[in-house]
Amino acid sequence: MLFLYYLIFINTALFCLMCIDKKRAIKNQFRISEKTLLTLAFLGGSIGMLAAMDIIHHKGNKFKIFIPFFVIESFFLLFILIKIIIF
């Protein structure tokens, strides 16, 4: 159950960071590095990143290559969690 809370938190945090980065890009301010965003996506926040890419149209062309792999990884981690809880 703790892992589910982690996934909700990391996805929400990454979505918010993508929104902040988009606003900073519009204002030509200091931005959040792509390395940080991709690391958080790899750590389970890929669904939040995918949602941000779709809703606010941010980093859509740059990260399209990575996101499908990260989404599959997130669902795989969720599947392992369900298997552990059931058995």
Protein backbone atom coordinates (compact mmCIF):
# COMPACT_ATOMS: atom_id res chain seq x y z
CA MET A 1 0.00 0.00 0.00
CA LEU A 2 2.91 2.31 0.72
CA PHE A 3 4.17 1.81 -2.84
CA LEU A 4 0.81 2.93 -4.24
CA TYR A 5 1.05 6.14 -2.20
CA TYR A 6 4.58 6.58 -3.53
CA LEU A 7 3.38 6.27 -7.14
CA ILE A 8 0.58 8.77 -6.55
CA PHE A 9 3.03 11.20 -4.93
CA ILE A 10 5.78 10.90 -7.57
CA ASN A 11 3.31 11.27 -10.45
CA THR A 12 1.66 14.31 -8.89
CA ALA A 13 5.04 15.87 -8.10
CA LEU A 14 6.32 15.34 -11.64
CA PHE A 15 3.13 16.75 -13.14
CA CYS A 16 3.53 19.87 -10.97
CA LEU A 17 7.22 20.18 -11.88
CA MET A 18 6.34 19.99 -15.57
CA CYS A 19 3.76 22.77 -15.07
CA ILE A 20 6.33 24.91 -13.24
CA ASP A 21 8.90 24.29 -15.98
CA LYS A 22 6.38 25.28 -18.65
CA LYS A 23 5.62 28.57 -16.85
CA ARG A 24 9.33 29.27 -16.43
CA ALA A 25 9.92 28.56 -20.12
CA ILE A 26 7.28 31.09 -21.11
CA LYS A 27 8.82 33.73 -18.80
CA ASN A 28 12.42 32.92 -19.91
CA GLN A 29 13.42 32.09 -16.33
CA PHE A 30 15.71 29.43 -14.87
CA ARG A 31 14.29 26.02 -15.83
CA ILE A 32 14.15 22.56 -14.29
CA SER A 33 16.73 20.33 -15.96
CA GLU A 34 15.65 17.58 -18.32
CA LYS A 35 17.85 15.21 -16.35
CA THR A 36 15.74 15.82 -13.23
CA LEU A 37 12.47 15.34 -15.11
CA LEU A 38 13.61 12.12 -16.78
CA THR A 39 15.01 10.74 -13.52
CA LEU A 40 11.67 11.28 -11.79
CA ALA A 41 9.88 9.67 -14.72
CA PHE A 42 12.17 6.66 -14.45
CA LEU A 43 11.52 6.42 -10.71
CA GLY A 44 7.82 5.89 -11.35
CA GLY A 45 6.46 9.26 -12.43
CA SER A 46 6.02 8.50 -16.10
CA ILE A 47 2.23 8.67 -16.01
CA GLY A 48 2.40 12.14 -14.49
CA MET A 49 4.86 13.21 -17.16
CA LEU A 50 2.68 11.75 -19.90
CA ALA A 51 -0.35 13.59 -18.51
CA ALA A 52 1.59 16.87 -18.39
CA MET A 53 2.83 16.38 -21.94
CA ASP A 54 -0.75 15.87 -23.10
CA ILE A 55 -2.56 18.47 -20.97
CA ILE A 56 -0.13 21.40 -21.03
CA HIS A 57 1.75 20.43 -24.22
CA HIS A 58 5.19 20.56 -22.62
CA LYS A 59 8.28 18.65 -23.79
CA GLY A 60 6.12 16.57 -26.12
CA ASN A 61 8.63 16.21 -28.93
CA LYS A 62 11.72 15.71 -26.79
CA PHE A 63 10.51 12.97 -24.47
CA LYS A 64 8.24 10.95 -26.76
CA ILE A 65 10.99 8.38 -27.20
CA PHE A 66 11.44 7.70 -23.48
CA ILE A 67 7.92 7.85 -22.10
CA PRO A 68 6.51 4.58 -23.49
CA PHE A 69 9.35 2.67 -21.82
CA PHE A 70 8.80 4.46 -18.54
CA VAL A 71 5.04 3.86 -18.64
CA ILE A 72 5.62 0.15 -19.22
CA GLU A 73 8.09 0.17 -16.34
CA SER A 74 5.53 1.84 -14.04
CA PHE A 75 2.85 -0.69 -14.89
CA PHE A 76 5.37 -3.49 -14.38
CA LEU A 77 6.22 -2.14 -10.91
CA LEU A 78 2.51 -1.88 -10.10
CA PHE A 79 1.99 -5.47 -11.29
CA ILE A 80 4.81 -6.68 -9.03
CA LEU A 81 3.25 -4.78 -6.12
CA ILE A 82 -0.12 -6.44 -6.71
CA LYS A 83 1.53 -9.87 -6.90
CA ILE A 84 3.33 -9.25 -3.60
CA ILE A 85 0.14 -8.10 -1.87
CA ILE A 86 -1.95 -11.04 -3.14
CA PHE A 87 0.61 -13.70 -2.31
